[in-house]
Amino acid sequence: MTASPLHHIADVIANRLIRDAALADQHRVELILVSELDRFHVVSEPDRQRVVELVVEAIGASASAPCEFVDMTQVSY
Protein backbone atom coordinates (compact mmCIF):
# COMPACT_ATOMS: atom_id res chain seq x y z
CA MET A 1 0.00 0.00 0.00
CA THR A 2 1.41 3.35 -1.05
CA ALA A 3 0.93 6.38 1.17
CA SER A 4 -0.92 9.30 -0.33
CA PRO A 5 0.88 12.56 -1.11
CA LEU A 6 -0.88 14.13 1.88
CA HIS A 7 0.52 11.39 4.14
CA HIS A 8 4.01 12.13 2.83
CA ILE A 9 3.60 15.86 3.48
CA ALA A 10 2.27 15.18 6.98
CA ASP A 11 5.23 12.92 7.74
CA VAL A 12 7.67 15.61 6.59
CA ILE A 13 5.95 18.22 8.77
CA ALA A 14 5.72 15.92 11.81
CA ASN A 15 9.40 15.02 11.52
CA ARG A 16 10.35 18.69 11.26
CA LEU A 17 8.24 19.62 14.29
CA ILE A 18 9.88 16.86 16.31
CA ARG A 19 13.39 17.57 14.99
CA ASP A 20 13.06 21.30 15.67
CA ALA A 21 11.58 20.63 19.14
CA ALA A 22 8.78 23.02 18.23
CA LEU A 23 5.84 21.10 19.67
CA ALA A 24 5.57 23.14 22.88
CA ASP A 25 5.50 26.49 21.07
CA GLN A 26 2.23 27.22 19.25
CA HIS A 27 3.73 30.10 17.25
CA ARG A 28 6.57 27.91 15.92
CA VAL A 29 4.12 25.11 15.11
CA GLU A 30 2.00 27.56 13.10
CA LEU A 31 5.03 28.97 11.27
CA ILE A 32 6.28 25.51 10.34
CA LEU A 33 2.82 24.31 9.29
CA VAL A 34 2.17 27.31 7.08
CA SER A 35 5.62 27.27 5.50
CA GLU A 36 5.51 23.53 4.76
CA LEU A 37 1.91 23.58 3.48
CA ASP A 38 2.84 26.46 1.18
CA ARG A 39 6.09 24.79 0.11
CA PHE A 40 4.19 21.67 -0.90
CA HIS A 41 1.46 23.79 -2.56
CA VAL A 42 -1.33 22.43 -0.37
CA VAL A 43 -3.94 25.06 -1.17
CA SER A 44 -7.43 23.71 -0.56
CA GLU A 45 -8.84 24.05 2.94
CA PRO A 46 -9.93 20.37 3.16
CA ASP A 47 -6.44 19.20 2.15
CA ARG A 48 -4.79 21.54 4.66
CA GLN A 49 -7.09 20.26 7.40
CA ARG A 50 -6.39 16.64 6.43
CA VAL A 51 -2.63 17.24 6.58
CA VAL A 52 -2.98 18.72 10.07
CA GLU A 53 -4.97 15.63 11.14
CA LEU A 54 -2.29 13.37 9.69
CA VAL A 55 0.45 15.37 11.44
CA VAL A 56 -1.33 14.81 14.76
CA GLU A 57 -1.55 11.08 14.02
CA ALA A 58 2.12 10.91 13.01
CA ILE A 59 3.28 12.75 16.12
CA GLY A 60 1.11 10.56 18.32
CA ALA A 61 2.67 7.46 16.77
CA SER A 62 6.22 8.72 17.26
CA ALA A 63 8.07 7.40 20.28
CA SER A 64 10.50 10.32 20.07
CA ALA A 65 7.82 13.00 20.42
CA PRO A 66 7.76 14.85 23.72
CA CYS A 67 4.76 14.27 25.98
CA GLU A 68 3.74 17.93 26.10
CA PHE A 69 2.86 19.74 22.90
CA VAL A 70 0.55 22.34 21.45
CA ASP A 71 -3.16 21.55 21.11
CA MET A 72 -3.25 21.19 17.32
CA THR A 73 -6.97 22.01 17.26
CA GLN A 74 -6.04 25.56 18.26
CA VAL A 75 -3.39 26.05 15.59
CA SER A 76 -4.17 28.39 12.71
CA TYR A 77 -2.66 27.60 9.38
C-alpha atoms as a PDB file:
ATOM      1  CA  MET A   1       0.000   0.000   0.000  1.00  0.00           C
ATOM      2  CA  THR A   2       1.415   3.350  -1.053  1.00  0.00           C
ATOM      3  CA  ALA A   3       0.934   6.383   1.166  1.00  0.00           C
ATOM      4  CA  SER A   4      -0.918   9.303  -0.333  1.00  0.00           C
ATOM      5  CA  PRO A   5       0.882  12.563  -1.114  1.00  0.00           C
ATOM      6  CA  LEU A   6      -0.881  14.134   1.881  1.00  0.00           C
ATOM      7  CA  HIS A   7       0.519  11.394   4.138  1.00  0.00           C
ATOM      8  CA  HIS A   8       4.014  12.134   2.827  1.00  0.00           C
ATOM      9  CA  ILE A   9       3.599  15.860   3.478  1.00  0.00           C
ATOM     10  CA  ALA A  10       2.267  15.178   6.983  1.00  0.00           C
ATOM     11  CA  ASP A  11       5.233  12.919   7.744  1.00  0.00           C
ATOM     12  CA  VAL A  12       7.665  15.612   6.589  1.00  0.00           C
ATOM     13  CA  ILE A  13       5.947  18.219   8.769  1.00  0.00           C
ATOM     14  CA  ALA A  14       5.721  15.920  11.808  1.00  0.00           C
ATOM     15  CA  ASN A  15       9.400  15.021  11.521  1.00  0.00           C
ATOM     16  CA  ARG A  16      10.351  18.687  11.256  1.00  0.00           C
ATOM     17  CA  LEU A  17       8.238  19.624  14.285  1.00  0.00           C
ATOM     18  CA  ILE A  18       9.884  16.860  16.311  1.00  0.00           C
ATOM     19  CA  ARG A  19      13.391  17.573  14.990  1.00  0.00           C
ATOM     20  CA  ASP A  20      13.059  21.302  15.667  1.00  0.00           C
ATOM     21  CA  ALA A  21      11.584  20.628  19.140  1.00  0.00           C
ATOM     22  CA  ALA A  22       8.779  23.017  18.232  1.00  0.00           C
ATOM     23  CA  LEU A  23       5.843  21.102  19.670  1.00  0.00           C
ATOM     24  CA  ALA A  24       5.573  23.135  22.879  1.00  0.00           C
ATOM     25  CA  ASP A  25       5.500  26.489  21.065  1.00  0.00           C
ATOM     26  CA  GLN A  26       2.231  27.221  19.246  1.00  0.00           C
ATOM     27  CA  HIS A  27       3.734  30.101  17.249  1.00  0.00           C
ATOM     28  CA  ARG A  28       6.567  27.914  15.922  1.00  0.00           C
ATOM     29  CA  VAL A  29       4.124  25.113  15.106  1.00  0.00           C
ATOM     30  CA  GLU A  30       2.001  27.563  13.104  1.00  0.00           C
ATOM     31  CA  LEU A  31       5.027  28.970  11.270  1.00  0.00           C
ATOM     32  CA  ILE A  32       6.277  25.514  10.338  1.00  0.00           C
ATOM     33  CA  LEU A  33       2.822  24.307   9.291  1.00  0.00           C
ATOM     34  CA  VAL A  34       2.173  27.308   7.076  1.00  0.00           C
ATOM     35  CA  SER A  35       5.621  27.268   5.502  1.00  0.00           C
ATOM     36  CA  GLU A  36       5.506  23.533   4.764  1.00  0.00           C
ATOM     37  CA  LEU A  37       1.909  23.578   3.480  1.00  0.00           C
ATOM     38  CA  ASP A  38       2.842  26.458   1.178  1.00  0.00           C
ATOM     39  CA  ARG A  39       6.090  24.792   0.111  1.00  0.00           C
ATOM     40  CA  PHE A  40       4.185  21.667  -0.902  1.00  0.00           C
ATOM     41  CA  HIS A  41       1.455  23.790  -2.561  1.00  0.00           C
ATOM     42  CA  VAL A  42      -1.334  22.430  -0.369  1.00  0.00           C
ATOM     43  CA  VAL A  43      -3.939  25.059  -1.171  1.00  0.00           C
ATOM     44  CA  SER A  44      -7.427  23.707  -0.557  1.00  0.00           C
ATOM     45  CA  GLU A  45      -8.835  24.048   2.940  1.00  0.00           C
ATOM     46  CA  PRO A  46      -9.932  20.367   3.163  1.00  0.00           C
ATOM     47  CA  ASP A  47      -6.442  19.203   2.146  1.00  0.00           C
ATOM     48  CA  ARG A  48      -4.786  21.544   4.658  1.00  0.00           C
ATOM     49  CA  GLN A  49      -7.093  20.264   7.400  1.00  0.00           C
ATOM     50  CA  ARG A  50      -6.394  16.641   6.435  1.00  0.00           C
ATOM     51  CA  VAL A  51      -2.634  17.236   6.576  1.00  0.00           C
ATOM     52  CA  VAL A  52      -2.981  18.719  10.075  1.00  0.00           C
ATOM     53  CA  GLU A  53      -4.973  15.631  11.144  1.00  0.00           C
ATOM     54  CA  LEU A  54      -2.293  13.367   9.687  1.00  0.00           C
ATOM     55  CA  VAL A  55       0.450  15.366  11.440  1.00  0.00           C
ATOM     56  CA  VAL A  56      -1.326  14.815  14.763  1.00  0.00           C
ATOM     57  CA  GLU A  57      -1.551  11.076  14.023  1.00  0.00           C
ATOM     58  CA  ALA A  58       2.115  10.909  13.014  1.00  0.00           C
ATOM     59  CA  ILE A  59       3.276  12.753  16.122  1.00  0.00           C
ATOM     60  CA  GLY A  60       1.107  10.556  18.323  1.00  0.00           C
ATOM     61  CA  ALA A  61       2.666   7.464  16.768  1.00  0.00           C
ATOM     62  CA  SER A  62       6.219   8.721  17.261  1.00  0.00           C
ATOM     63  CA  ALA A  63       8.069   7.397  20.285  1.00  0.00           C
ATOM     64  CA  SER A  64      10.502  10.320  20.070  1.00  0.00           C
ATOM     65  CA  ALA A  65       7.821  12.998  20.419  1.00  0.00           C
ATOM     66  CA  PRO A  66       7.759  14.849  23.723  1.00  0.00           C
ATOM     67  CA  CYS A  67       4.760  14.271  25.977  1.00  0.00           C
ATOM     68  CA  GLU A  68       3.741  17.928  26.098  1.00  0.00           C
ATOM     69  CA  PHE A  69       2.855  19.738  22.899  1.00  0.00           C
ATOM     70  CA  VAL A  70       0.548  22.336  21.451  1.00  0.00           C
ATOM     71  CA  ASP A  71      -3.159  21.551  21.112  1.00  0.00           C
ATOM     72  CA  MET A  72      -3.247  21.190  17.325  1.00  0.00           C
ATOM     73  CA  THR A  73      -6.971  22.009  17.259  1.00  0.00           C
ATOM     74  CA  GLN A  74      -6.042  25.560  18.261  1.00  0.00           C
ATOM     75  CA  VAL A  75      -3.393  26.050  15.589  1.00  0.00           C
ATOM     76  CA  SER A  76      -4.167  28.391  12.711  1.00  0.00           C
ATOM     77  CA  TYR A  77      -2.657  27.601   9.384  1.00  0.00           C
END
